[in-house]
Protein backbone atom coordinates (compact mmCIF):
# COMPACT_ATOMS: atom_id res chain seq x y z
CA UNK A 1 7.50 16.33 -0.42
CA UNK A 2 3.77 16.82 -1.12
CA UNK A 3 1.19 14.32 -1.12
CA UNK A 4 -2.17 15.54 -2.12
CA UNK A 5 -4.79 12.91 -2.80
CA UNK A 6 -3.78 9.27 -3.30
CA UNK A 7 -6.57 6.63 -3.25
CA UNK A 8 -4.58 3.69 -4.13
CA UNK A 9 -2.57 0.53 -3.03
CA UNK A 10 0.10 -1.53 -4.64
CA UNK A 11 4.29 -2.64 -5.43
CA UNK A 12 7.80 -3.12 -6.67
CA UNK A 13 10.13 -5.50 -9.08
CA UNK A 14 11.92 -4.49 -12.32
CA UNK A 15 11.41 -0.96 -13.73
CA UNK A 16 10.45 -0.42 -17.44
CA UNK A 17 11.49 2.53 -19.47
CA UNK A 18 8.06 3.48 -20.89
CA UNK A 19 4.30 2.52 -20.25
CA UNK A 20 4.21 -0.27 -22.97
CA UNK A 21 2.11 -3.47 -22.11
CA UNK A 22 3.88 -6.64 -21.36
CA UNK A 23 2.75 -10.06 -19.87
CA UNK A 24 3.95 -8.61 -16.48
CA UNK A 25 2.47 -5.03 -16.96
CA UNK A 26 0.21 -3.70 -14.63
CA UNK A 27 -3.18 -2.15 -15.55
CA UNK A 28 -3.78 1.29 -13.80
CA UNK A 29 -6.90 3.41 -13.71
CA UNK A 30 -6.09 7.00 -13.08
CA UNK A 31 -8.67 9.38 -11.77
CA UNK A 32 -7.59 13.03 -11.73
CA UNK A 33 -9.64 15.80 -10.09
CA UNK A 34 -8.69 19.08 -11.88
CA UNK A 35 -8.75 22.90 -10.62
CA UNK A 36 -11.48 25.05 -11.46
CA UNK A 37 -9.27 27.34 -13.73
CA UNK A 38 -8.78 24.11 -16.00
CA UNK A 39 -11.86 21.93 -15.33
CA UNK A 40 -12.25 21.67 -19.04
CA UNK A 41 -8.61 20.96 -20.05
CA UNK A 42 -7.51 17.27 -20.17
CA UNK A 43 -4.58 16.85 -17.67
CA UNK A 44 -1.00 15.96 -18.51
CA UNK A 45 0.52 13.12 -16.51
CA UNK A 46 4.31 12.68 -15.53
CA UNK A 47 5.93 10.02 -14.09
CA UNK A 48 9.47 9.20 -12.70
CA UNK A 49 10.71 5.23 -11.86
CA UNK A 50 12.11 5.35 -8.41
CA UNK A 51 15.49 4.03 -9.10
CA UNK A 52 19.05 5.78 -9.41
CA UNK A 53 18.93 8.71 -11.72
CA UNK A 54 15.13 8.71 -11.35
CA UNK A 55 14.47 8.41 -15.35
CA UNK A 56 11.21 10.01 -16.55
CA UNK A 57 8.65 7.76 -17.76
CA UNK A 58 6.70 8.53 -20.93
CA UNK A 59 3.05 7.85 -20.36
CA UNK A 60 0.23 9.22 -22.73
CA UNK A 61 -3.28 8.11 -21.04
CA UNK A 62 -6.52 8.76 -23.26
CA UNK A 63 -8.47 10.92 -20.93
CA UNK A 64 -12.34 10.88 -20.69
CA UNK A 65 -14.16 13.46 -18.52
CA UNK A 66 -16.37 11.60 -16.00
CA UNK A 67 -18.46 14.00 -13.66
CA UNK A 68 -16.29 16.40 -12.02
CA UNK A 69 -13.08 14.41 -12.63
CA UNK A 70 -10.87 13.06 -15.53
CA UNK A 71 -10.39 9.51 -16.01
CA UNK A 72 -7.82 7.47 -18.01
CA UNK A 73 -6.01 3.78 -18.37
CA UNK A 74 -2.45 2.99 -19.09
CA UNK A 75 -0.37 0.00 -18.43
CA UNK A 76 2.93 0.12 -16.45
CA UNK A 77 5.88 -2.20 -16.07
CA UNK A 78 6.02 -3.22 -12.27
CA UNK A 79 7.90 -1.05 -10.34
CA UNK A 80 7.62 2.12 -7.96
CA UNK A 81 7.01 5.39 -9.21
CA UNK A 82 6.49 9.14 -8.52
CA UNK A 83 3.57 10.45 -10.39
CA UNK A 84 2.28 14.14 -10.82
CA UNK A 85 -0.42 15.78 -13.01
CA UNK A 86 -0.87 19.10 -14.35
CA UNK A 87 -2.89 21.38 -16.20
CA UNK A 88 -2.11 24.80 -18.18
CA UNK A 89 -2.48 26.79 -14.87
CA UNK A 90 -2.43 24.23 -12.11
CA UNK A 91 -0.38 21.11 -10.80
CA UNK A 92 -0.72 18.30 -8.17
CA UNK A 93 1.87 17.45 -5.85
CA UNK A 94 4.32 14.32 -6.45
CA UNK A 95 2.67 11.07 -5.23
CA UNK A 96 4.46 7.77 -4.87
CA UNK A 97 3.04 4.53 -6.22
CA UNK A 98 4.13 1.00 -6.57
CA UNK A 99 2.91 -1.23 -9.41
CA UNK A 100 2.08 -4.72 -8.07
CA UNK A 101 1.21 -7.20 -10.94
CA UNK A 102 -2.45 -8.66 -10.78
CA UNK A 103 -5.42 -7.15 -10.74
CA UNK A 104 -6.38 -3.83 -12.04
CA UNK A 105 -4.94 -1.11 -9.83
CA UNK A 106 -6.06 2.49 -9.09
CA UNK A 107 -4.68 5.93 -8.46
CA UNK A 108 -6.11 9.13 -7.83
CA UNK A 109 -4.66 12.69 -7.48
CA UNK A 110 -5.98 16.08 -7.36
CA UNK A 111 -4.57 19.08 -9.37
CA UNK A 112 -5.59 22.22 -6.87
CA UNK A 113 -2.54 24.56 -6.55
CA UNK A 114 -0.52 26.80 -8.82
CA UNK A 115 1.63 25.43 -11.29
CA UNK A 116 5.14 24.55 -9.54
CA UNK A 117 6.47 20.91 -10.20
CA UNK A 118 9.50 20.14 -8.11
CA UNK A 119 10.53 16.35 -7.86
CA UNK A 120 12.21 15.86 -4.42
CA UNK A 121 14.63 12.75 -5.41
CA UNK A 122 16.68 13.03 -2.18
CA UNK A 123 13.87 11.93 0.07
CA UNK A 124 14.56 9.43 2.75
CA UNK A 125 11.29 8.31 3.47
CA UNK A 126 10.16 4.82 2.73
CA UNK A 127 7.10 2.61 1.83
CA UNK A 128 5.91 -0.85 3.03
CA UNK A 129 3.80 -2.62 0.39
CA UNK A 130 2.81 -6.37 -0.41
CA UNK A 131 0.11 -8.75 -1.31
CA UNK A 132 -3.00 -9.90 0.88
CA UNK A 133 -4.40 -13.20 1.17
CA UNK A 134 -7.80 -12.09 0.37
CA UNK A 135 -9.43 -8.88 -0.95
CA UNK A 136 -10.80 -7.34 1.99
CA UNK A 137 -8.25 -8.15 4.61
CA UNK A 138 -7.48 -5.11 6.46
CA UNK A 139 -3.90 -3.85 7.31
CA UNK A 140 -2.50 -1.69 10.10
CA UNK A 141 0.52 -0.25 10.81
CA UNK A 142 2.48 1.10 13.82
CA UNK A 143 6.18 1.97 14.95
CA UNK A 144 7.94 -1.28 16.37
CA UNK A 145 8.12 -1.42 20.30
CA UNK A 146 5.79 1.24 21.06
CA UNK A 147 3.58 0.29 24.25
CA UNK A 148 1.28 2.03 26.45
CA UNK A 149 -0.36 5.26 26.18
CA UNK A 150 -2.25 6.33 23.12
CA UNK A 151 -2.22 3.26 20.18
CA UNK A 152 -0.22 4.13 17.45
CA UNK A 153 -1.71 1.94 15.12
CA UNK A 154 -3.11 3.45 11.70
CA UNK A 155 -5.25 1.78 9.05
CA UNK A 156 -3.37 1.37 5.44
CA UNK A 157 -5.35 1.75 2.38
CA UNK A 158 -5.81 -1.36 0.28
CA UNK A 159 -6.33 -1.87 -3.52
CA UNK A 160 -7.80 -5.51 -4.16
CA UNK A 161 -5.42 -7.76 -3.02
CA UNK A 162 -2.49 -5.54 -2.26
CA UNK A 163 -1.55 -2.69 0.37
CA UNK A 164 0.84 0.09 0.33
CA UNK A 165 1.92 2.64 2.69
CA UNK A 166 4.27 5.52 1.85
CA UNK A 167 6.28 8.21 3.38
CA UNK A 168 7.68 6.45 6.44
CA UNK A 169 10.58 7.38 8.49
CA UNK A 170 13.30 4.89 8.49
CA UNK A 171 13.28 2.51 11.35
CA UNK A 172 11.16 -0.60 12.41
CA UNK A 173 7.59 -0.88 12.02
CA UNK A 174 5.03 -3.52 12.85
CA UNK A 175 2.60 -4.56 10.16
CA UNK A 176 -0.72 -6.23 11.10
CA UNK A 177 -3.05 -7.91 8.85
CA UNK A 178 -6.36 -9.55 9.64
CA UNK A 179 -8.56 -11.73 7.55
CA UNK A 180 -11.44 -13.69 8.58
CA UNK A 181 -10.83 -14.19 12.42
CA UNK A 182 -7.41 -14.41 12.00
CA UNK A 183 -4.88 -11.56 12.89
CA UNK A 184 -1.10 -11.91 12.18
CA UNK A 185 1.80 -9.38 12.41
CA UNK A 186 5.64 -9.06 11.34
CA UNK A 187 8.35 -6.63 11.74
CA UNK A 188 9.96 -4.81 9.11
CA UNK A 189 12.62 -2.21 8.91
CA UNK A 190 12.62 0.83 6.48
CA UNK A 191 16.20 1.82 5.42
CA UNK A 192 17.59 4.98 4.21
CA UNK A 193 18.89 4.23 0.84
CA UNK A 194 17.21 3.40 -2.31
CA UNK A 195 17.74 -0.21 -2.17
CA UNK A 196 16.03 -0.52 1.60
CA UNK A 197 13.39 2.26 1.52
CA UNK A 198 11.05 0.13 0.07
CA UNK A 199 10.31 -2.99 2.04
CA UNK A 200 8.13 -5.82 0.49
CA UNK A 201 6.07 -7.72 3.10
CA UNK A 202 3.59 -10.20 1.32
CA UNK A 203 1.04 -12.26 3.12
CA UNK A 204 0.20 -14.98 0.53
CA UNK A 205 -2.60 -17.15 0.54
CA UNK A 206 -0.65 -20.32 1.18
CA UNK A 207 1.10 -18.60 4.09
CA UNK A 208 -2.41 -17.52 5.27
CA UNK A 209 -3.62 -21.22 4.92
CA UNK A 210 -0.68 -22.57 6.72
CA UNK A 211 -1.36 -20.33 9.54
CA UNK A 212 -4.74 -21.46 9.88
CA UNK A 213 -4.05 -25.09 9.76
CA UNK A 214 -1.23 -24.50 12.65
CA UNK A 215 -3.56 -22.64 14.73
CA UNK A 216 -6.41 -25.30 14.21
CA UNK A 217 -4.16 -28.19 15.25
CA UNK A 218 -2.38 -26.56 17.98
CA UNK A 219 -6.16 -25.18 19.53
CA UNK A 220 -7.51 -26.50 22.74
CA UNK A 221 -10.54 -25.99 24.87
CA UNK A 222 -9.83 -24.28 28.34
CA UNK A 223 -11.43 -23.11 31.45
CA UNK A 224 -11.26 -19.52 32.19
CA UNK A 225 -12.64 -17.89 35.32
CA UNK A 226 -15.54 -15.69 35.10
CA UNK A 227 -16.23 -13.63 38.28
CA UNK A 228 -17.47 -15.66 41.16
CA UNK A 229 -19.67 -17.88 39.00
CA UNK A 230 -17.45 -20.44 38.23
CA UNK A 231 -15.57 -21.09 34.92
CA UNK A 232 -16.37 -20.79 31.36
CA UNK A 233 -15.03 -22.80 28.33
CA UNK A 234 -13.25 -21.35 25.38
CA UNK A 235 -11.21 -22.01 22.52
CA UNK A 236 -7.73 -21.17 22.65
CA UNK A 237 -5.91 -21.26 19.06
CA UNK A 238 -2.42 -22.65 18.86
CA UNK A 239 0.54 -20.69 17.92
CA UNK A 240 1.48 -20.36 14.19
CA UNK A 241 3.68 -18.57 11.86
CA UNK A 242 4.67 -18.28 8.20
CA UNK A 243 7.02 -16.45 6.07
CA UNK A 244 8.10 -14.01 8.84
CA UNK A 245 4.41 -13.46 10.00
CA UNK A 246 3.16 -14.63 13.48
CA UNK A 247 -0.37 -15.11 14.55
CA UNK A 248 -1.67 -13.19 17.55
CA UNK A 249 -2.91 -15.06 20.52
CA UNK A 250 -5.87 -12.95 21.31
CA UNK A 251 -8.07 -10.09 19.33
CA UNK A 252 -6.50 -6.72 19.79
């Protein structure tokens, strides 16, 4: 499986058979970086819906040259897709992207190798994705149950109020979302079948507000020793949870 350049974030639902707009369609801005041999040639986009039999979705963006890259806009039905781009002499690898309704989404890919398109429909790698309570929230992910040694957490790309991380091996993962001064985490499991390897883990604004209220209601001032100089007073936030997310007792 080849993933070249993906600047996006994103998610699942019903799959459409084409790129026609609807009330639930997802506006998508495409950015394609061409290879030197085909810099003046508008790219062609190929897409497959990630469901059984992997049907090809026919999309026809109107391309506009902007500096060193090509840009186009389309609307797609909510769902998970595999995209690739090609030009007369070059092509990209395949990249997974999940369309979540809401704000305009973004996707970027680089065409930088000799033309050879293959679709790896048998991959067992999965994805975790979802909504964020506010744009600007940060997301990290790590294999669940890892303790000690090097920190296994890695940052996840976000796009406005959504996030997505792809090509995860099957198994349990801890997803951590931080917004304002609050950090919450949740364990989700990526499976091995097409029905279980895409896992949705939303933290909605309502869930986030519930967690903040629970923490505020359960907070108290406590004394903590500080060296030999007596004690200091600090605020200890109460336990809180919502929709499978649990607030962390202290910053990490």
